Amino acid sequence: MVWRIGDRATFELLRRSGRRARRGPVTVTFAQAGSAPEPRVAYAVGRKVGNAVLRNRVRRRLRAAVAQTAELPPGAYLVAAGPAAARQSFEELRRDVARAMTAASGRDPA
């Protein structure tokens, strides 16, 4: 189960001391946030991706890709997508999200 990030302090922690990893058009920032036992995720899809309909579609696809990512360690994640994410197939997007989340959380040295 994945929870949402809603408090400003967590976003400040991500900005200040988060570890970043980029895979393709996906950038993930990770920070250990308190003692919460579950992973918490926020999504950022900028205007460069396209109009509101396209940005929302990319956000939904990111949410689905994160839900399919196995065993995320607890902490706070910010998943950001660049314009190329709108042109990727779901499998490519899912692979990039999983690889970036694994690398950002420190489970993968690459």
N, C-alpha and C. Protein backbone atom coordinates (compact mmCIF):
# COMPACT_ATOMS: atom_id res chain seq x y z
N MET A 1 0.84 -1.18 0.00
CA MET A 1 0.00 0.00 0.00
C MET A 1 0.88 1.24 0.00
N VAL A 2 0.50 2.24 -0.78
CA VAL A 2 1.25 3.48 -0.92
C VAL A 2 0.37 4.62 -0.43
N TRP A 3 0.95 5.50 0.39
CA TRP A 3 0.22 6.64 0.95
C TRP A 3 0.67 7.92 0.26
N ARG A 4 -0.11 8.99 0.44
CA ARG A 4 0.21 10.28 -0.15
C ARG A 4 1.01 11.14 0.82
N ILE A 5 1.74 12.08 0.25
CA ILE A 5 2.44 13.09 1.06
C ILE A 5 1.55 14.32 1.05
N GLY A 6 1.28 14.87 2.23
CA GLY A 6 0.42 16.04 2.28
C GLY A 6 0.97 17.18 3.12
N ASP A 7 2.00 16.92 3.89
CA ASP A 7 2.49 17.97 4.79
C ASP A 7 3.71 18.68 4.21
N ARG A 8 3.79 19.95 4.48
CA ARG A 8 4.86 20.80 3.96
C ARG A 8 6.24 20.35 4.46
N ALA A 9 6.31 19.88 5.68
CA ALA A 9 7.59 19.48 6.26
C ALA A 9 8.25 18.36 5.45
N THR A 10 7.45 17.44 4.97
CA THR A 10 8.00 16.34 4.16
C THR A 10 8.53 16.84 2.83
N PHE A 11 7.80 17.78 2.20
CA PHE A 11 8.28 18.35 0.95
C PHE A 11 9.58 19.13 1.17
N GLU A 12 9.68 19.84 2.29
CA GLU A 12 10.92 20.55 2.61
C GLU A 12 12.06 19.56 2.82
N LEU A 13 11.79 18.45 3.49
CA LEU A 13 12.81 17.42 3.69
C LEU A 13 13.28 16.85 2.35
N LEU A 14 12.35 16.58 1.45
CA LEU A 14 12.71 16.08 0.13
C LEU A 14 13.60 17.09 -0.62
N ARG A 15 13.23 18.35 -0.55
CA ARG A 15 13.99 19.38 -1.25
C ARG A 15 15.38 19.56 -0.63
N ARG A 16 15.43 19.56 0.68
CA ARG A 16 16.67 19.86 1.40
C ARG A 16 17.65 18.69 1.39
N SER A 17 17.18 17.50 1.68
CA SER A 17 18.13 16.40 1.87
C SER A 17 17.75 15.13 1.12
N GLY A 18 16.93 15.26 0.10
CA GLY A 18 16.52 14.07 -0.64
C GLY A 18 17.62 13.57 -1.57
N ARG A 19 17.61 12.27 -1.83
CA ARG A 19 18.54 11.64 -2.76
C ARG A 19 17.81 11.44 -4.08
N ARG A 20 18.40 11.90 -5.19
CA ARG A 20 17.74 11.87 -6.49
C ARG A 20 18.32 10.79 -7.40
N ALA A 21 17.43 10.25 -8.22
CA ALA A 21 17.85 9.31 -9.26
C ALA A 21 16.98 9.56 -10.48
N ARG A 22 17.62 9.57 -11.64
CA ARG A 22 16.88 9.79 -12.88
C ARG A 22 17.07 8.60 -13.81
N ARG A 23 15.96 8.13 -14.35
CA ARG A 23 15.97 7.05 -15.33
C ARG A 23 15.02 7.46 -16.44
N GLY A 24 15.57 7.73 -17.61
CA GLY A 24 14.74 8.21 -18.71
C GLY A 24 14.11 9.55 -18.33
N PRO A 25 12.83 9.73 -18.60
CA PRO A 25 12.16 11.00 -18.27
C PRO A 25 11.65 11.07 -16.82
N VAL A 26 11.98 10.07 -16.01
CA VAL A 26 11.46 10.00 -14.64
C VAL A 26 12.58 10.32 -13.65
N THR A 27 12.29 11.26 -12.74
CA THR A 27 13.21 11.60 -11.66
C THR A 27 12.52 11.30 -10.35
N VAL A 28 13.20 10.57 -9.47
CA VAL A 28 12.64 10.24 -8.16
C VAL A 28 13.56 10.82 -7.09
N THR A 29 12.96 11.51 -6.13
CA THR A 29 13.68 12.02 -4.97
C THR A 29 13.19 11.24 -3.76
N PHE A 30 14.12 10.75 -2.95
CA PHE A 30 13.78 9.93 -1.79
C PHE A 30 14.39 10.54 -0.53
N ALA A 31 13.64 10.49 0.56
CA ALA A 31 14.16 10.92 1.86
C ALA A 31 13.53 10.05 2.94
N GLN A 32 14.33 9.69 3.93
CA GLN A 32 13.79 9.00 5.09
C GLN A 32 12.97 10.01 5.87
N ALA A 33 11.68 9.73 6.03
CA ALA A 33 10.79 10.70 6.67
C ALA A 33 10.17 10.09 7.91
N GLY A 34 10.75 10.38 9.05
CA GLY A 34 10.20 9.90 10.31
C GLY A 34 10.23 8.40 10.44
N SER A 35 9.30 7.89 11.23
CA SER A 35 9.25 6.45 11.47
C SER A 35 8.00 5.81 10.86
N ALA A 36 7.46 6.43 9.81
CA ALA A 36 6.27 5.88 9.16
C ALA A 36 6.62 4.52 8.55
N PRO A 37 5.78 3.50 8.77
CA PRO A 37 6.09 2.17 8.28
C PRO A 37 5.76 1.96 6.80
N GLU A 38 5.16 2.94 6.16
CA GLU A 38 4.75 2.77 4.76
C GLU A 38 5.43 3.81 3.88
N PRO A 39 5.59 3.50 2.60
CA PRO A 39 6.11 4.50 1.67
C PRO A 39 5.03 5.55 1.38
N ARG A 40 5.46 6.81 1.27
CA ARG A 40 4.54 7.89 0.93
C ARG A 40 5.06 8.54 -0.35
N VAL A 41 4.15 8.83 -1.28
CA VAL A 41 4.55 9.28 -2.62
C VAL A 41 3.78 10.53 -3.02
N ALA A 42 4.49 11.47 -3.66
CA ALA A 42 3.89 12.64 -4.29
C ALA A 42 4.33 12.64 -5.75
N TYR A 43 3.55 13.28 -6.59
CA TYR A 43 3.82 13.29 -8.03
C TYR A 43 3.95 14.72 -8.52
N ALA A 44 4.88 14.96 -9.45
CA ALA A 44 5.07 16.28 -10.06
C ALA A 44 5.13 16.10 -11.56
N VAL A 45 4.17 16.69 -12.25
CA VAL A 45 4.14 16.66 -13.71
C VAL A 45 3.96 18.10 -14.17
N GLY A 46 5.02 18.69 -14.74
CA GLY A 46 5.02 20.10 -15.10
C GLY A 46 4.29 20.41 -16.39
N ARG A 47 4.12 21.68 -16.64
CA ARG A 47 3.40 22.14 -17.84
C ARG A 47 4.09 21.79 -19.14
N LYS A 48 5.40 21.58 -19.09
CA LYS A 48 6.12 21.21 -20.31
C LYS A 48 5.66 19.87 -20.87
N VAL A 49 5.03 19.06 -20.03
CA VAL A 49 4.55 17.75 -20.47
C VAL A 49 3.40 17.92 -21.47
N GLY A 50 2.56 18.92 -21.26
CA GLY A 50 1.44 19.15 -22.18
C GLY A 50 0.28 19.82 -21.46
N ASN A 51 -0.89 19.75 -22.08
CA ASN A 51 -2.07 20.38 -21.48
C ASN A 51 -2.54 19.57 -20.27
N ALA A 52 -3.57 20.07 -19.60
CA ALA A 52 -4.03 19.45 -18.34
C ALA A 52 -4.46 18.00 -18.54
N VAL A 53 -5.10 17.72 -19.65
CA VAL A 53 -5.56 16.34 -19.91
C VAL A 53 -4.36 15.40 -20.00
N LEU A 54 -3.33 15.81 -20.72
CA LEU A 54 -2.14 14.97 -20.87
C LEU A 54 -1.38 14.85 -19.55
N ARG A 55 -1.26 15.95 -18.81
CA ARG A 55 -0.57 15.88 -17.51
C ARG A 55 -1.29 14.95 -16.56
N ASN A 56 -2.61 15.01 -16.52
CA ASN A 56 -3.37 14.11 -15.64
C ASN A 56 -3.23 12.66 -16.07
N ARG A 57 -3.19 12.42 -17.36
CA ARG A 57 -2.99 11.05 -17.86
C ARG A 57 -1.63 10.52 -17.42
N VAL A 58 -0.59 11.34 -17.56
CA VAL A 58 0.74 10.93 -17.13
C VAL A 58 0.75 10.67 -15.62
N ARG A 59 0.09 11.52 -14.83
CA ARG A 59 0.03 11.34 -13.38
C ARG A 59 -0.66 10.02 -13.03
N ARG A 60 -1.76 9.71 -13.71
CA ARG A 60 -2.45 8.42 -13.45
C ARG A 60 -1.55 7.24 -13.81
N ARG A 61 -0.82 7.35 -14.91
CA ARG A 61 0.07 6.27 -15.31
C ARG A 61 1.22 6.11 -14.31
N LEU A 62 1.72 7.24 -13.79
CA LEU A 62 2.78 7.17 -12.77
C LEU A 62 2.25 6.47 -11.52
N ARG A 63 1.02 6.83 -11.12
CA ARG A 63 0.42 6.19 -9.94
C ARG A 63 0.31 4.68 -10.13
N ALA A 64 -0.13 4.27 -11.32
CA ALA A 64 -0.27 2.84 -11.60
C ALA A 64 1.10 2.16 -11.61
N ALA A 65 2.11 2.83 -12.15
CA ALA A 65 3.46 2.25 -12.18
C ALA A 65 4.02 2.10 -10.77
N VAL A 66 3.79 3.09 -9.91
CA VAL A 66 4.27 3.00 -8.54
C VAL A 66 3.55 1.87 -7.81
N ALA A 67 2.26 1.71 -8.04
CA ALA A 67 1.49 0.66 -7.39
C ALA A 67 2.01 -0.73 -7.77
N GLN A 68 2.59 -0.86 -8.95
CA GLN A 68 3.12 -2.15 -9.39
C GLN A 68 4.58 -2.37 -8.97
N THR A 69 5.20 -1.36 -8.39
CA THR A 69 6.58 -1.49 -7.95
C THR A 69 6.61 -2.30 -6.65
N ALA A 70 7.38 -3.36 -6.64
CA ALA A 70 7.39 -4.29 -5.51
C ALA A 70 8.19 -3.75 -4.34
N GLU A 71 7.64 -3.90 -3.15
CA GLU A 71 8.31 -3.68 -1.88
C GLU A 71 9.16 -2.42 -1.81
N LEU A 72 8.50 -1.29 -1.78
CA LEU A 72 9.21 -0.03 -1.58
C LEU A 72 9.58 0.11 -0.12
N PRO A 73 10.82 0.53 0.17
CA PRO A 73 11.16 0.77 1.56
C PRO A 73 10.41 2.00 2.08
N PRO A 74 10.13 2.07 3.37
CA PRO A 74 9.43 3.22 3.93
C PRO A 74 10.23 4.50 3.72
N GLY A 75 9.51 5.59 3.54
CA GLY A 75 10.14 6.88 3.34
C GLY A 75 9.25 7.72 2.44
N ALA A 76 9.75 8.88 2.06
CA ALA A 76 9.00 9.80 1.21
C ALA A 76 9.62 9.82 -0.18
N TYR A 77 8.79 9.74 -1.19
CA TYR A 77 9.22 9.74 -2.58
C TYR A 77 8.52 10.88 -3.33
N LEU A 78 9.26 11.59 -4.15
CA LEU A 78 8.67 12.55 -5.09
C LEU A 78 9.00 12.04 -6.48
N VAL A 79 7.96 11.67 -7.23
CA VAL A 79 8.14 11.12 -8.57
C VAL A 79 7.79 12.22 -9.56
N ALA A 80 8.78 12.66 -10.35
CA ALA A 80 8.58 13.73 -11.33
C ALA A 80 8.76 13.17 -12.73
N ALA A 81 7.97 13.69 -13.66
CA ALA A 81 8.02 13.21 -15.04
C ALA A 81 8.29 14.37 -15.99
N GLY A 82 9.16 14.12 -16.95
CA GLY A 82 9.45 15.10 -17.99
C GLY A 82 8.57 14.87 -19.21
N PRO A 83 8.68 15.72 -20.23
CA PRO A 83 7.81 15.64 -21.40
C PRO A 83 7.86 14.30 -22.13
N ALA A 84 8.99 13.62 -22.13
CA ALA A 84 9.10 12.35 -22.85
C ALA A 84 8.25 11.25 -22.21
N ALA A 85 7.86 11.42 -20.96
CA ALA A 85 7.05 10.41 -20.27
C ALA A 85 5.69 10.24 -20.94
N ALA A 86 5.19 11.29 -21.56
CA ALA A 86 3.89 11.22 -22.23
C ALA A 86 3.95 10.35 -23.49
N ARG A 87 5.13 10.18 -24.05
CA ARG A 87 5.28 9.39 -25.28
C ARG A 87 5.73 7.96 -25.03
N GLN A 88 6.04 7.63 -23.79
CA GLN A 88 6.49 6.27 -23.48
C GLN A 88 5.31 5.31 -23.37
N SER A 89 5.57 4.04 -23.70
CA SER A 89 4.57 3.02 -23.43
C SER A 89 4.50 2.81 -21.93
N PHE A 90 3.43 2.17 -21.46
CA PHE A 90 3.31 1.96 -20.02
C PHE A 90 4.42 1.07 -19.50
N GLU A 91 4.82 0.07 -20.24
CA GLU A 91 5.89 -0.83 -19.79
C GLU A 91 7.20 -0.07 -19.65
N GLU A 92 7.52 0.82 -20.60
CA GLU A 92 8.75 1.62 -20.49
C GLU A 92 8.68 2.54 -19.27
N LEU A 93 7.53 3.17 -19.07
CA LEU A 93 7.35 4.07 -17.94
C LEU A 93 7.46 3.30 -16.62
N ARG A 94 6.82 2.15 -16.55
CA ARG A 94 6.87 1.33 -15.34
C ARG A 94 8.31 0.92 -15.02
N ARG A 95 9.04 0.51 -16.04
CA ARG A 95 10.44 0.11 -15.85
C ARG A 95 11.28 1.28 -15.35
N ASP A 96 11.12 2.47 -15.96
CA ASP A 96 11.89 3.64 -15.54
C ASP A 96 11.54 4.06 -14.11
N VAL A 97 10.26 4.01 -13.77
CA VAL A 97 9.83 4.36 -12.41
C VAL A 97 10.44 3.39 -11.40
N ALA A 98 10.36 2.10 -11.67
CA ALA A 98 10.89 1.10 -10.74
C ALA A 98 12.40 1.25 -10.57
N ARG A 99 13.11 1.46 -11.66
CA ARG A 99 14.57 1.61 -11.58
C ARG A 99 14.96 2.87 -10.83
N ALA A 100 14.25 3.97 -11.09
CA ALA A 100 14.56 5.24 -10.42
C ALA A 100 14.24 5.15 -8.92
N MET A 101 13.12 4.52 -8.56
CA MET A 101 12.77 4.41 -7.15
C MET A 101 13.76 3.52 -6.41
N THR A 102 14.20 2.46 -7.05
CA THR A 102 15.17 1.56 -6.44
C THR A 102 16.51 2.29 -6.23
N ALA A 103 16.94 3.03 -7.24
CA ALA A 103 18.22 3.75 -7.14
C ALA A 103 18.13 4.87 -6.10
N ALA A 104 17.04 5.62 -6.08
CA ALA A 104 16.92 6.74 -5.15
C ALA A 104 16.86 6.27 -3.70
N SER A 105 16.23 5.13 -3.48
CA SER A 105 16.10 4.64 -2.10
C SER A 105 17.38 3.98 -1.60
N GLY A 106 18.37 3.85 -2.47
CA GLY A 106 19.66 3.31 -2.04
C GLY A 106 19.77 1.81 -2.12
N ARG A 107 18.79 1.15 -2.71
CA ARG A 107 18.85 -0.31 -2.82
C ARG A 107 19.64 -0.75 -4.03
N ASP A 108 19.97 0.20 -4.93
CA ASP A 108 20.67 -0.12 -6.16
C ASP A 108 21.80 0.88 -6.36
N PRO A 109 23.02 0.43 -6.51
CA PRO A 109 24.13 1.37 -6.66
C PRO A 109 24.17 2.09 -8.00
N ALA A 110 23.43 1.61 -9.01
CA ALA A 110 23.52 2.21 -10.35
C ALA A 110 22.76 3.47 -10.50
